[in-house]
Structure formats: C-alpha cells, structure tokens
C-alpha cells in the first residue's frame, strides 16, 4: 500500500521526554498499515564508539531499527556529535558547522524513497544550532508539519503551550501531538492531558494522537499500540 510521500517533523517540549519513542511508534504504526517508512535524526548529540570503531547514537539507531527503508547513516544522521551536550557547543568544539542546506538535501534524498519520513529534532524547539539558528529554524527550513511530543510531568503545560505558540509563530502547522508519560506518578495526569487537548483543539486544530503510558518495554511496536494515525492529515 502506498500514498503520496509525506514527512513529519517531531518536536519535543524538552530533551529526554520521549521524542524517539514516539517517533519509533509512528514508524511502526505506519509500517503496520503497509506503508514504507524512513527516518532521520539530522543532528544527534551523544555517541559511543563500538568495537568496530564506528560511532553510534542510541536514538538514531532506535529509529533505524524501526524503518522499512534503510539508508546510509551519512544521510539519516548527517551530523553525529560525540558529546551529549548542547549541539551548538559540541559542534563548535569539534569545529563542525551544522549546515542546514545539507540537511535539506539529505531529507530530499530520503523522503523520495518512502511513503512516510519521520524527522526527529534535537532537544526542544529553541535549542541553538549555532549563533543564529535553532531547532525551530531547521524545522522551518524543512517546511514540514510538526508533531509535538509532550513529556507528561509537572511543568509540562507551560512548556507545551509555549512550544505550540512558537511553532505557530514560525509559520508551521501543528499536525498533532502525543502525550508521553514521563512521570507515571504525576498528579492529575488525565486532567492535564484534557487541558492540553482542549487548547490544542481550539487554537491549532491539532488532534491528540495518543497517550503513551510509562512502558516496561519502551519500543516502537509497543508505543505504536497507543497511537491513532488516522487522526493525522
């Protein structure tokens, strides 16, 4: 089964809030529907060197394990930074320029090969990439609809609403959002989800795509069970 190729940019309210888990869930969900899938983690900060001498990023490898269309890592992660820190600082230290036009070329190549391409951002929406650009600028250059992953924990309401506001101000469409349960002991979890669902529905016509609970087995196939892809445009 095929459809017109489309891509989504996966943004998050912060770092370590489940962007990769949600991205893997989307990839596995679309694959289960018979669509070909590909993925990018254009900028990855944090890598370990294997016995074979190859540097690998855990998030990029998780995405690669969930796609149906494999591509060279030089395309899917054109900028692999070794230190797990703010990308603009690590890139500067390594003497690397995070070249957005190069990322765009890689995306064009990858997205031509699959029905669905998932592009996972780095950190939150305003994480700097250099002295002038941030993750939001990368998303704007790619000009893709955005799926926002909200890490459900104390303080997430402000983070989520501010991020959605920034996405809209950057002229991009918020296509939907995913609630990922970072803190299973969060007080009033359901009420917080309801608050965001109401705001996102009214202000951005952005549907809730699913609520991922705290998973004992945080993998793409398991996360996909909690997502409703039929709500995506």
C-alpha atoms as a PDB file:
ATOM      1  CA  UNK A   1       0.000   0.000   0.000  1.00  0.00           C
ATOM      2  CA  UNK A   2       1.385   3.418  -0.945  1.00  0.00           C
ATOM      3  CA  UNK A   3       0.340   7.029  -0.526  1.00  0.00           C
ATOM      4  CA  UNK A   4       1.698  10.382  -1.576  1.00  0.00           C
ATOM      5  CA  UNK A   5       5.067  10.740   0.197  1.00  0.00           C
ATOM      6  CA  UNK A   6       4.859  12.857   3.308  1.00  0.00           C
ATOM      7  CA  UNK A   7       7.181  13.835   6.110  1.00  0.00           C
ATOM      8  CA  UNK A   8       6.654  14.966   9.680  1.00  0.00           C
ATOM      9  CA  UNK A   9       8.991  16.869  11.977  1.00  0.00           C
ATOM     10  CA  UNK A  10       8.950  15.511  15.525  1.00  0.00           C
ATOM     11  CA  UNK A  11       9.467  18.228  18.111  1.00  0.00           C
ATOM     12  CA  UNK A  12       9.557  17.966  21.882  1.00  0.00           C
ATOM     13  CA  UNK A  13       8.822  20.118  24.885  1.00  0.00           C
ATOM     14  CA  UNK A  14      12.307  19.359  26.209  1.00  0.00           C
ATOM     15  CA  UNK A  15      15.067  16.801  25.941  1.00  0.00           C
ATOM     16  CA  UNK A  16      14.598  13.271  27.307  1.00  0.00           C
ATOM     17  CA  UNK A  17      10.798  13.420  27.035  1.00  0.00           C
ATOM     18  CA  UNK A  18      10.220  10.600  24.532  1.00  0.00           C
ATOM     19  CA  UNK A  19      10.678  12.047  21.046  1.00  0.00           C
ATOM     20  CA  UNK A  20      12.494   8.926  19.908  1.00  0.00           C
ATOM     21  CA  UNK A  21       9.972   6.545  21.455  1.00  0.00           C
ATOM     22  CA  UNK A  22       7.096   8.436  19.830  1.00  0.00           C
ATOM     23  CA  UNK A  23       8.952   8.576  16.500  1.00  0.00           C
ATOM     24  CA  UNK A  24       9.543   4.836  16.612  1.00  0.00           C
ATOM     25  CA  UNK A  25       5.866   4.321  17.429  1.00  0.00           C
ATOM     26  CA  UNK A  26       4.866   6.375  14.394  1.00  0.00           C
ATOM     27  CA  UNK A  27       7.241   4.427  12.146  1.00  0.00           C
ATOM     28  CA  UNK A  28       5.980   1.064  13.374  1.00  0.00           C
ATOM     29  CA  UNK A  29       2.366   2.182  13.182  1.00  0.00           C
ATOM     30  CA  UNK A  30       2.673   3.285   9.574  1.00  0.00           C
ATOM     31  CA  UNK A  31       4.592   0.133   8.659  1.00  0.00           C
ATOM     32  CA  UNK A  32       1.790  -1.967  10.165  1.00  0.00           C
ATOM     33  CA  UNK A  33      -0.601  -0.183   7.795  1.00  0.00           C
ATOM     34  CA  UNK A  34       1.532  -1.258   4.845  1.00  0.00           C
ATOM     35  CA  UNK A  35       3.384   1.992   4.221  1.00  0.00           C
ATOM     36  CA  UNK A  36       7.094   2.255   3.538  1.00  0.00           C
ATOM     37  CA  UNK A  37       8.892   4.285   6.177  1.00  0.00           C
ATOM     38  CA  UNK A  38      12.195   6.103   6.592  1.00  0.00           C
ATOM     39  CA  UNK A  39      13.647   8.268   9.339  1.00  0.00           C
ATOM     40  CA  UNK A  40      16.175  10.987  10.060  1.00  0.00           C
ATOM     41  CA  UNK A  41      17.865  12.261  13.176  1.00  0.00           C
ATOM     42  CA  UNK A  42      19.675  15.085  11.355  1.00  0.00           C
ATOM     43  CA  UNK A  43      21.601  16.241  14.405  1.00  0.00           C
ATOM     44  CA  UNK A  44      22.442  13.808  17.184  1.00  0.00           C
ATOM     45  CA  UNK A  45      24.453  14.819  20.251  1.00  0.00           C
ATOM     46  CA  UNK A  46      25.938  11.894  22.123  1.00  0.00           C
ATOM     47  CA  UNK A  47      27.569   8.812  20.632  1.00  0.00           C
ATOM     48  CA  UNK A  48      29.572   5.782  21.657  1.00  0.00           C
ATOM     49  CA  UNK A  49      32.268   4.062  19.649  1.00  0.00           C
ATOM     50  CA  UNK A  50      31.734   0.366  19.086  1.00  0.00           C
ATOM     51  CA  UNK A  51      34.327  -2.381  18.872  1.00  0.00           C
ATOM     52  CA  UNK A  52      34.243  -1.909  15.102  1.00  0.00           C
ATOM     53  CA  UNK A  53      35.361   1.689  15.521  1.00  0.00           C
ATOM     54  CA  UNK A  54      32.034   3.126  14.335  1.00  0.00           C
ATOM     55  CA  UNK A  55      30.395   5.894  16.368  1.00  0.00           C
ATOM     56  CA  UNK A  56      26.679   5.365  17.002  1.00  0.00           C
ATOM     57  CA  UNK A  57      23.925   7.406  18.601  1.00  0.00           C
ATOM     58  CA  UNK A  58      21.318   5.460  20.572  1.00  0.00           C
ATOM     59  CA  UNK A  59      18.339   7.449  19.276  1.00  0.00           C
ATOM     60  CA  UNK A  60      19.458   7.268  15.643  1.00  0.00           C
ATOM     61  CA  UNK A  61      19.959   3.517  15.960  1.00  0.00           C
ATOM     62  CA  UNK A  62      16.496   3.083  17.510  1.00  0.00           C
ATOM     63  CA  UNK A  63      14.932   4.923  14.567  1.00  0.00           C
ATOM     64  CA  UNK A  64      16.919   2.853  12.062  1.00  0.00           C
ATOM     65  CA  UNK A  65      15.647  -0.340  13.688  1.00  0.00           C
ATOM     66  CA  UNK A  66      12.022   0.687  13.066  1.00  0.00           C
ATOM     67  CA  UNK A  67      12.113   1.722   9.387  1.00  0.00           C
ATOM     68  CA  UNK A  68      11.249  -0.350   6.342  1.00  0.00           C
ATOM     69  CA  UNK A  69      13.591   1.654   4.073  1.00  0.00           C
ATOM     70  CA  UNK A  70      17.196   1.695   5.241  1.00  0.00           C
ATOM     71  CA  UNK A  71      19.528   4.488   4.200  1.00  0.00           C
ATOM     72  CA  UNK A  72      23.193   5.171   4.920  1.00  0.00           C
ATOM     73  CA  UNK A  73      23.817   6.806   8.302  1.00  0.00           C
ATOM     74  CA  UNK A  74      25.537   9.667   6.473  1.00  0.00           C
ATOM     75  CA  UNK A  75      22.087  10.544   5.115  1.00  0.00           C
ATOM     76  CA  UNK A  76      19.912   9.774   8.123  1.00  0.00           C
ATOM     77  CA  UNK A  77      22.265  11.432  10.639  1.00  0.00           C
ATOM     78  CA  UNK A  78      24.492  13.808   8.701  1.00  0.00           C
ATOM     79  CA  UNK A  79      25.726  15.441  11.917  1.00  0.00           C
ATOM     80  CA  UNK A  80      26.709  12.928  14.595  1.00  0.00           C
ATOM     81  CA  UNK A  81      28.281  14.758  17.527  1.00  0.00           C
ATOM     82  CA  UNK A  82      30.111  12.689  20.086  1.00  0.00           C
ATOM     83  CA  UNK A  83      29.429  14.636  23.287  1.00  0.00           C
ATOM     84  CA  UNK A  84      25.931  14.522  24.886  1.00  0.00           C
ATOM     85  CA  UNK A  85      25.531  18.263  25.315  1.00  0.00           C
ATOM     86  CA  UNK A  86      24.012  21.303  23.625  1.00  0.00           C
ATOM     87  CA  UNK A  87      24.644  20.763  19.894  1.00  0.00           C
ATOM     88  CA  UNK A  88      25.929  24.263  19.150  1.00  0.00           C
ATOM     89  CA  UNK A  89      28.559  23.928  21.879  1.00  0.00           C
ATOM     90  CA  UNK A  90      29.659  20.429  20.876  1.00  0.00           C
ATOM     91  CA  UNK A  91      29.731  21.363  17.191  1.00  0.00           C
ATOM     92  CA  UNK A  92      31.810  24.445  17.927  1.00  0.00           C
ATOM     93  CA  UNK A  93      34.254  22.409  19.997  1.00  0.00           C
ATOM     94  CA  UNK A  94      34.547  19.853  17.194  1.00  0.00           C
ATOM     95  CA  UNK A  95      34.925  22.523  14.516  1.00  0.00           C
ATOM     96  CA  UNK A  96      31.724  21.399  12.776  1.00  0.00           C
ATOM     97  CA  UNK A  97      29.212  23.725  11.110  1.00  0.00           C
ATOM     98  CA  UNK A  98      25.655  22.377  11.372  1.00  0.00           C
ATOM     99  CA  UNK A  99      24.813  23.014   7.730  1.00  0.00           C
ATOM    100  CA  UNK A 100      21.030  23.276   7.317  1.00  0.00           C
ATOM    101  CA  UNK A 101      21.112  23.205   3.470  1.00  0.00           C
ATOM    102  CA  UNK A 102      22.987  19.892   3.670  1.00  0.00           C
ATOM    103  CA  UNK A 103      20.278  18.519   5.952  1.00  0.00           C
ATOM    104  CA  UNK A 104      17.658  19.627   3.425  1.00  0.00           C
ATOM    105  CA  UNK A 105      19.463  17.766   0.649  1.00  0.00           C
ATOM    106  CA  UNK A 106      19.633  14.620   2.782  1.00  0.00           C
ATOM    107  CA  UNK A 107      15.926  14.894   3.533  1.00  0.00           C
ATOM    108  CA  UNK A 108      15.027  15.252  -0.137  1.00  0.00           C
ATOM    109  CA  UNK A 109      17.002  12.113  -0.912  1.00  0.00           C
ATOM    110  CA  UNK A 110      15.471  10.070   1.917  1.00  0.00           C
ATOM    111  CA  UNK A 111      11.872  11.262   1.531  1.00  0.00           C
ATOM    112  CA  UNK A 112      11.879  10.294  -2.148  1.00  0.00           C
ATOM    113  CA  UNK A 113      12.391   6.657  -1.116  1.00  0.00           C
ATOM    114  CA  UNK A 114       9.478   6.168   1.307  1.00  0.00           C
ATOM    115  CA  UNK A 115       5.791   6.886   1.831  1.00  0.00           C
ATOM    116  CA  UNK A 116       6.419   8.305   5.296  1.00  0.00           C
ATOM    117  CA  UNK A 117       9.565  10.011   6.569  1.00  0.00           C
ATOM    118  CA  UNK A 118       9.915  10.892  10.227  1.00  0.00           C
ATOM    119  CA  UNK A 119      12.427  13.630  11.072  1.00  0.00           C
ATOM    120  CA  UNK A 120      13.292  13.818  14.750  1.00  0.00           C
ATOM    121  CA  UNK A 121      14.570  17.131  16.046  1.00  0.00           C
ATOM    122  CA  UNK A 122      17.228  17.660  18.676  1.00  0.00           C
ATOM    123  CA  UNK A 123      16.246  18.856  22.155  1.00  0.00           C
ATOM    124  CA  UNK A 124      13.455  21.414  22.453  1.00  0.00           C
ATOM    125  CA  UNK A 125      12.175  23.880  19.874  1.00  0.00           C
ATOM    126  CA  UNK A 126      14.632  26.682  20.690  1.00  0.00           C
ATOM    127  CA  UNK A 127      17.793  24.639  21.200  1.00  0.00           C
ATOM    128  CA  UNK A 128      20.562  26.616  19.436  1.00  0.00           C
ATOM    129  CA  UNK A 129      22.330  25.090  16.449  1.00  0.00           C
ATOM    130  CA  UNK A 130      24.809  27.950  16.107  1.00  0.00           C
ATOM    131  CA  UNK A 131      24.992  31.649  16.980  1.00  0.00           C
ATOM    132  CA  UNK A 132      21.965  32.449  14.818  1.00  0.00           C
ATOM    133  CA  UNK A 133      19.843  29.323  14.204  1.00  0.00           C
ATOM    134  CA  UNK A 134      17.902  26.926  16.401  1.00  0.00           C
ATOM    135  CA  UNK A 135      15.849  23.757  16.022  1.00  0.00           C
ATOM    136  CA  UNK A 136      12.824  25.822  15.017  1.00  0.00           C
ATOM    137  CA  UNK A 137      14.790  27.325  12.138  1.00  0.00           C
ATOM    138  CA  UNK A 138      15.676  23.826  10.957  1.00  0.00           C
ATOM    139  CA  UNK A 139      12.025  22.786  11.038  1.00  0.00           C
ATOM    140  CA  UNK A 140      11.054  25.938   9.176  1.00  0.00           C
ATOM    141  CA  UNK A 141      13.692  25.293   6.516  1.00  0.00           C
ATOM    142  CA  UNK A 142      12.356  21.760   6.065  1.00  0.00           C
ATOM    143  CA  UNK A 143       8.825  23.235   5.925  1.00  0.00           C
ATOM    144  CA  UNK A 144       7.177  20.149   7.396  1.00  0.00           C
ATOM    145  CA  UNK A 145       4.053  19.694   9.523  1.00  0.00           C
ATOM    146  CA  UNK A 146       5.048  19.249  13.151  1.00  0.00           C
ATOM    147  CA  UNK A 147       4.078  16.562  15.649  1.00  0.00           C
ATOM    148  CA  UNK A 148       4.736  17.715  19.208  1.00  0.00           C
ATOM    149  CA  UNK A 149       5.706  15.191  21.880  1.00  0.00           C
ATOM    150  CA  UNK A 150       4.750  16.422  25.339  1.00  0.00           C
ATOM    151  CA  UNK A 151       6.551  14.821  28.251  1.00  0.00           C
ATOM    152  CA  UNK A 152       3.808  14.499  30.840  1.00  0.00           C
ATOM    153  CA  UNK A 153       5.284  15.662  34.136  1.00  0.00           C
ATOM    154  CA  UNK A 154       4.965  18.626  36.460  1.00  0.00           C
ATOM    155  CA  UNK A 155       5.548  21.824  34.471  1.00  0.00           C
ATOM    156  CA  UNK A 156       4.617  20.361  31.094  1.00  0.00           C
ATOM    157  CA  UNK A 157       1.603  22.619  30.499  1.00  0.00           C
ATOM    158  CA  UNK A 158       3.652  25.785  30.129  1.00  0.00           C
ATOM    159  CA  UNK A 159       6.356  24.011  28.124  1.00  0.00           C
ATOM    160  CA  UNK A 160       3.769  22.532  25.766  1.00  0.00           C
ATOM    161  CA  UNK A 161       1.783  25.730  25.233  1.00  0.00           C
ATOM    162  CA  UNK A 162       4.886  27.857  24.724  1.00  0.00           C
ATOM    163  CA  UNK A 163       6.274  25.359  22.221  1.00  0.00           C
ATOM    164  CA  UNK A 164       2.998  25.235  20.294  1.00  0.00           C
ATOM    165  CA  UNK A 165       2.936  29.024  20.233  1.00  0.00           C
ATOM    166  CA  UNK A 166       6.480  29.113  18.847  1.00  0.00           C
ATOM    167  CA  UNK A 167       5.637  26.545  16.184  1.00  0.00           C
ATOM    168  CA  UNK A 168       2.707  28.667  15.032  1.00  0.00           C
ATOM    169  CA  UNK A 169       4.763  31.865  15.081  1.00  0.00           C
ATOM    170  CA  UNK A 170       7.337  30.168  12.891  1.00  0.00           C
ATOM    171  CA  UNK A 171       4.588  29.634  10.327  1.00  0.00           C
ATOM    172  CA  UNK A 172       4.413  25.868  10.658  1.00  0.00           C
ATOM    173  CA  UNK A 173       1.405  23.640  11.100  1.00  0.00           C
ATOM    174  CA  UNK A 174       0.986  21.682  14.321  1.00  0.00           C
ATOM    175  CA  UNK A 175      -0.412  18.487  12.808  1.00  0.00           C
ATOM    176  CA  UNK A 176      -0.961  16.714  16.103  1.00  0.00           C
ATOM    177  CA  UNK A 177       0.550  15.931  19.478  1.00  0.00           C
ATOM    178  CA  UNK A 178       1.459  12.912  21.563  1.00  0.00           C
ATOM    179  CA  UNK A 179       1.327  12.739  25.349  1.00  0.00           C
ATOM    180  CA  UNK A 180       4.202  10.636  26.656  1.00  0.00           C
ATOM    181  CA  UNK A 181       4.038   9.709  30.323  1.00  0.00           C
ATOM    182  CA  UNK A 182       7.443  10.610  31.706  1.00  0.00           C
ATOM    183  CA  UNK A 183       6.248  10.638  35.322  1.00  0.00           C
ATOM    184  CA  UNK A 184       3.629   7.937  35.964  1.00  0.00           C
ATOM    185  CA  UNK A 185       3.059   9.434  39.411  1.00  0.00           C
ATOM    186  CA  UNK A 186       2.133  12.846  38.007  1.00  0.00           C
ATOM    187  CA  UNK A 187      -0.840  14.260  39.897  1.00  0.00           C
ATOM    188  CA  UNK A 188      -3.933  14.955  37.770  1.00  0.00           C
ATOM    189  CA  UNK A 189      -2.390  13.316  34.694  1.00  0.00           C
ATOM    190  CA  UNK A 190      -5.723  12.871  32.906  1.00  0.00           C
ATOM    191  CA  UNK A 191      -6.785  16.427  33.724  1.00  0.00           C
ATOM    192  CA  UNK A 192      -3.509  17.822  32.375  1.00  0.00           C
ATOM    193  CA  UNK A 193      -3.956  15.866  29.144  1.00  0.00           C
ATOM    194  CA  UNK A 194      -7.531  17.175  28.895  1.00  0.00           C
ATOM    195  CA  UNK A 195      -6.326  20.754  29.361  1.00  0.00           C
ATOM    196  CA  UNK A 196      -3.822  20.454  26.531  1.00  0.00           C
ATOM    197  CA  UNK A 197      -6.280  18.612  24.305  1.00  0.00           C
ATOM    198  CA  UNK A 198      -8.807  21.424  24.686  1.00  0.00           C
ATOM    199  CA  UNK A 199      -6.241  24.162  23.999  1.00  0.00           C
ATOM    200  CA  UNK A 200      -4.651  22.408  21.039  1.00  0.00           C
ATOM    201  CA  UNK A 201      -8.031  21.568  19.512  1.00  0.00           C
ATOM    202  CA  UNK A 202      -9.337  25.129  19.813  1.00  0.00           C
ATOM    203  CA  UNK A 203      -6.224  27.082  18.934  1.00  0.00           C
ATOM    204  CA  UNK A 204      -4.469  24.882  16.378  1.00  0.00           C
ATOM    205  CA  UNK A 205      -6.940  22.154  15.323  1.00  0.00           C
ATOM    206  CA  UNK A 206      -4.175  19.755  16.373  1.00  0.00           C
ATOM    207  CA  UNK A 207      -5.555  16.381  17.495  1.00  0.00           C
ATOM    208  CA  UNK A 208      -4.240  14.221  20.291  1.00  0.00           C
ATOM    209  CA  UNK A 209      -2.686  11.230  18.519  1.00  0.00           C
ATOM    210  CA  UNK A 210      -2.320   9.122  21.620  1.00  0.00           C
ATOM    211  CA  UNK A 211      -1.233   8.802  25.228  1.00  0.00           C
ATOM    212  CA  UNK A 212       1.804   6.585  25.712  1.00  0.00           C
ATOM    213  CA  UNK A 213       1.955   5.255  29.270  1.00  0.00           C
ATOM    214  CA  UNK A 214       5.165   4.563  31.120  1.00  0.00           C
ATOM    215  CA  UNK A 215       6.227   1.393  29.327  1.00  0.00           C
ATOM    216  CA  UNK A 216       8.056  -1.557  30.826  1.00  0.00           C
ATOM    217  CA  UNK A 217       9.205  -2.254  27.262  1.00  0.00           C
ATOM    218  CA  UNK A 218       9.708   1.162  25.595  1.00  0.00           C
ATOM    219  CA  UNK A 219       9.919   0.045  21.967  1.00  0.00           C
ATOM    220  CA  UNK A 220       8.390   1.258  18.721  1.00  0.00           C
ATOM    221  CA  UNK A 221       5.993  -1.678  18.257  1.00  0.00           C
ATOM    222  CA  UNK A 222       4.662  -1.265  21.799  1.00  0.00           C
ATOM    223  CA  UNK A 223       4.334   2.529  21.537  1.00  0.00           C
ATOM    224  CA  UNK A 224       2.505   2.162  18.208  1.00  0.00           C
ATOM    225  CA  UNK A 225      -0.340   0.390  20.002  1.00  0.00           C
ATOM    226  CA  UNK A 226      -1.224   3.657  21.746  1.00  0.00           C
ATOM    227  CA  UNK A 227      -1.257   5.893  18.647  1.00  0.00           C
ATOM    228  CA  UNK A 228      -4.140   6.691  16.300  1.00  0.00           C
ATOM    229  CA  UNK A 229      -2.562   7.568  12.951  1.00  0.00           C
ATOM    230  CA  UNK A 230      -5.980   8.065  11.398  1.00  0.00           C
ATOM    231  CA  UNK A 231      -6.091  11.466  13.094  1.00  0.00           C
ATOM    232  CA  UNK A 232      -3.101  12.755  11.153  1.00  0.00           C
ATOM    233  CA  UNK A 233      -3.615  14.766   7.957  1.00  0.00           C
END
